Amino acid sequence: MDVSVIVPVVAIIFVFGIPLLAIWTDYKKERALIEKGLYEPEKPKPAGHETLVWGLILTLVGIALLIGSFTVRDQLLLPGMIVGAIGVALLIYTLVIRREKPNG
């Protein structure tokens, strides 16, 4: 066989084989822990944690685009307002979720 055929075949085997091997070994590890009675499921993250992070990121990016559009006088005003509005909406959503489900 030619090297130009072997390299892609080996690459495809590794690209699909390594993730499958990782999933299989994790499955076997969890099954062994369940059989021994030592398995503890993952604790869920507090409600609204991810939306708080993304809300802060998008709000600050929107503010940065707005400030940049005022100093550069480019067409970034509308994208800055859109990103900032999405960020503020995520922050409001986080506050609503935290009020509905108190920690504890």
C-alpha atoms as a PDB file:
ATOM      1  CA  MET A   1       0.000   0.000   0.000  1.00  0.00           C
ATOM      2  CA  ASP A   2       1.002   3.529  -0.656  1.00  0.00           C
ATOM      3  CA  VAL A   3       1.687   5.958   2.170  1.00  0.00           C
ATOM      4  CA  SER A   4      -0.922   8.342   0.753  1.00  0.00           C
ATOM      5  CA  VAL A   5      -3.582   5.722   1.579  1.00  0.00           C
ATOM      6  CA  ILE A   6      -2.255   4.565   4.957  1.00  0.00           C
ATOM      7  CA  VAL A   7      -1.982   8.028   6.560  1.00  0.00           C
ATOM      8  CA  PRO A   8      -5.659   9.008   6.118  1.00  0.00           C
ATOM      9  CA  VAL A   9      -6.843   5.554   7.227  1.00  0.00           C
ATOM     10  CA  VAL A  10      -4.740   5.720  10.400  1.00  0.00           C
ATOM     11  CA  ALA A  11      -5.898   9.299  11.034  1.00  0.00           C
ATOM     12  CA  ILE A  12      -9.555   8.298  10.713  1.00  0.00           C
ATOM     13  CA  ILE A  13      -9.057   5.343  13.054  1.00  0.00           C
ATOM     14  CA  PHE A  14      -7.446   7.589  15.685  1.00  0.00           C
ATOM     15  CA  VAL A  15     -10.000  10.403  15.287  1.00  0.00           C
ATOM     16  CA  PHE A  16     -12.899   8.046  15.943  1.00  0.00           C
ATOM     17  CA  GLY A  17     -11.120   5.468  18.098  1.00  0.00           C
ATOM     18  CA  ILE A  18      -9.700   7.655  20.869  1.00  0.00           C
ATOM     19  CA  PRO A  19     -13.025   9.292  21.883  1.00  0.00           C
ATOM     20  CA  LEU A  20     -14.772   5.905  21.763  1.00  0.00           C
ATOM     21  CA  LEU A  21     -12.035   4.402  23.940  1.00  0.00           C
ATOM     22  CA  ALA A  22     -12.400   7.262  26.435  1.00  0.00           C
ATOM     23  CA  ILE A  23     -16.177   6.799  26.622  1.00  0.00           C
ATOM     24  CA  TRP A  24     -15.825   3.024  27.020  1.00  0.00           C
ATOM     25  CA  THR A  25     -13.226   3.253  29.807  1.00  0.00           C
ATOM     26  CA  ASP A  26     -15.320   5.847  31.667  1.00  0.00           C
ATOM     27  CA  TYR A  27     -18.342   3.547  31.363  1.00  0.00           C
ATOM     28  CA  LYS A  28     -16.355   0.584  32.707  1.00  0.00           C
ATOM     29  CA  LYS A  29     -15.054   2.683  35.616  1.00  0.00           C
ATOM     30  CA  GLU A  30     -18.550   3.821  36.570  1.00  0.00           C
ATOM     31  CA  ARG A  31     -19.919   0.269  36.322  1.00  0.00           C
ATOM     32  CA  ALA A  32     -17.149  -0.993  38.627  1.00  0.00           C
ATOM     33  CA  LEU A  33     -17.900   1.753  41.163  1.00  0.00           C
ATOM     34  CA  ILE A  34     -21.620   0.928  41.045  1.00  0.00           C
ATOM     35  CA  GLU A  35     -20.927  -2.768  41.649  1.00  0.00           C
ATOM     36  CA  LYS A  36     -18.742  -1.928  44.655  1.00  0.00           C
ATOM     37  CA  GLY A  37     -21.306   0.531  46.019  1.00  0.00           C
ATOM     38  CA  LEU A  38     -18.907   3.477  45.862  1.00  0.00           C
ATOM     39  CA  TYR A  39     -20.607   5.438  43.082  1.00  0.00           C
ATOM     40  CA  GLU A  40     -21.649   9.004  43.908  1.00  0.00           C
ATOM     41  CA  PRO A  41     -23.442  10.909  41.148  1.00  0.00           C
ATOM     42  CA  GLU A  42     -22.232  14.393  40.278  1.00  0.00           C
ATOM     43  CA  LYS A  43     -23.821  17.169  42.273  1.00  0.00           C
ATOM     44  CA  PRO A  44     -25.765  19.593  40.083  1.00  0.00           C
ATOM     45  CA  LYS A  45     -24.447  23.108  39.704  1.00  0.00           C
ATOM     46  CA  PRO A  46     -26.428  25.915  41.312  1.00  0.00           C
ATOM     47  CA  ALA A  47     -29.289  27.188  39.179  1.00  0.00           C
ATOM     48  CA  GLY A  48     -28.379  30.083  36.941  1.00  0.00           C
ATOM     49  CA  HIS A  49     -24.601  29.699  37.211  1.00  0.00           C
ATOM     50  CA  GLU A  50     -23.942  29.378  33.470  1.00  0.00           C
ATOM     51  CA  THR A  51     -26.399  32.091  32.512  1.00  0.00           C
ATOM     52  CA  LEU A  52     -24.774  34.440  35.016  1.00  0.00           C
ATOM     53  CA  VAL A  53     -21.354  33.882  33.460  1.00  0.00           C
ATOM     54  CA  TRP A  54     -22.604  34.316  29.884  1.00  0.00           C
ATOM     55  CA  GLY A  55     -24.715  37.292  30.871  1.00  0.00           C
ATOM     56  CA  LEU A  56     -21.717  39.058  32.368  1.00  0.00           C
ATOM     57  CA  ILE A  57     -19.507  38.206  29.385  1.00  0.00           C
ATOM     58  CA  LEU A  58     -22.017  39.413  26.790  1.00  0.00           C
ATOM     59  CA  THR A  59     -22.897  42.545  28.748  1.00  0.00           C
ATOM     60  CA  LEU A  60     -19.251  43.550  29.056  1.00  0.00           C
ATOM     61  CA  VAL A  61     -18.573  42.759  25.379  1.00  0.00           C
ATOM     62  CA  GLY A  62     -21.589  44.895  24.423  1.00  0.00           C
ATOM     63  CA  ILE A  63     -20.351  47.767  26.581  1.00  0.00           C
ATOM     64  CA  ALA A  64     -16.881  47.453  25.044  1.00  0.00           C
ATOM     65  CA  LEU A  65     -18.349  47.557  21.529  1.00  0.00           C
ATOM     66  CA  LEU A  66     -20.416  50.627  22.435  1.00  0.00           C
ATOM     67  CA  ILE A  67     -17.380  52.444  23.857  1.00  0.00           C
ATOM     68  CA  GLY A  68     -15.342  51.418  20.827  1.00  0.00           C
ATOM     69  CA  SER A  69     -17.997  52.670  18.437  1.00  0.00           C
ATOM     70  CA  PHE A  70     -18.022  56.097  20.108  1.00  0.00           C
ATOM     71  CA  THR A  71     -14.242  56.450  19.887  1.00  0.00           C
ATOM     72  CA  VAL A  72     -13.729  54.994  16.405  1.00  0.00           C
ATOM     73  CA  ARG A  73     -16.993  56.219  14.803  1.00  0.00           C
ATOM     74  CA  ASP A  74     -17.477  52.902  13.056  1.00  0.00           C
ATOM     75  CA  GLN A  75     -20.612  50.837  12.480  1.00  0.00           C
ATOM     76  CA  LEU A  76     -20.297  48.962  15.817  1.00  0.00           C
ATOM     77  CA  LEU A  77     -23.080  50.776  17.651  1.00  0.00           C
ATOM     78  CA  LEU A  78     -25.886  48.385  16.659  1.00  0.00           C
ATOM     79  CA  PRO A  79     -23.919  45.141  17.280  1.00  0.00           C
ATOM     80  CA  GLY A  80     -22.827  46.524  20.647  1.00  0.00           C
ATOM     81  CA  MET A  81     -26.404  47.252  21.612  1.00  0.00           C
ATOM     82  CA  ILE A  82     -27.568  43.785  20.482  1.00  0.00           C
ATOM     83  CA  VAL A  83     -24.833  41.938  22.396  1.00  0.00           C
ATOM     84  CA  GLY A  84     -25.375  44.115  25.447  1.00  0.00           C
ATOM     85  CA  ALA A  85     -29.133  43.499  25.364  1.00  0.00           C
ATOM     86  CA  ILE A  86     -28.588  39.726  25.191  1.00  0.00           C
ATOM     87  CA  GLY A  87     -26.231  39.958  28.153  1.00  0.00           C
ATOM     88  CA  VAL A  88     -28.679  41.987  30.210  1.00  0.00           C
ATOM     89  CA  ALA A  89     -31.462  39.523  29.333  1.00  0.00           C
ATOM     90  CA  LEU A  90     -29.323  36.627  30.595  1.00  0.00           C
ATOM     91  CA  LEU A  91     -28.566  38.507  33.805  1.00  0.00           C
ATOM     92  CA  ILE A  92     -32.281  39.152  34.378  1.00  0.00           C
ATOM     93  CA  TYR A  93     -32.999  35.468  33.680  1.00  0.00           C
ATOM     94  CA  THR A  94     -30.380  34.483  36.259  1.00  0.00           C
ATOM     95  CA  LEU A  95     -31.971  36.730  38.889  1.00  0.00           C
ATOM     96  CA  VAL A  96     -35.419  35.276  38.195  1.00  0.00           C
ATOM     97  CA  ILE A  97     -34.129  31.672  38.423  1.00  0.00           C
ATOM     98  CA  ARG A  98     -32.338  32.351  41.701  1.00  0.00           C
ATOM     99  CA  ARG A  99     -35.466  33.878  43.238  1.00  0.00           C
ATOM    100  CA  GLU A 100     -37.616  30.915  42.188  1.00  0.00           C
ATOM    101  CA  LYS A 101     -35.171  28.256  43.441  1.00  0.00           C
ATOM    102  CA  PRO A 102     -33.425  29.417  46.612  1.00  0.00           C
ATOM    103  CA  ASN A 103     -30.071  27.794  47.362  1.00  0.00           C
ATOM    104  CA  GLY A 104     -30.102  25.171  50.019  1.00  0.00           C
END
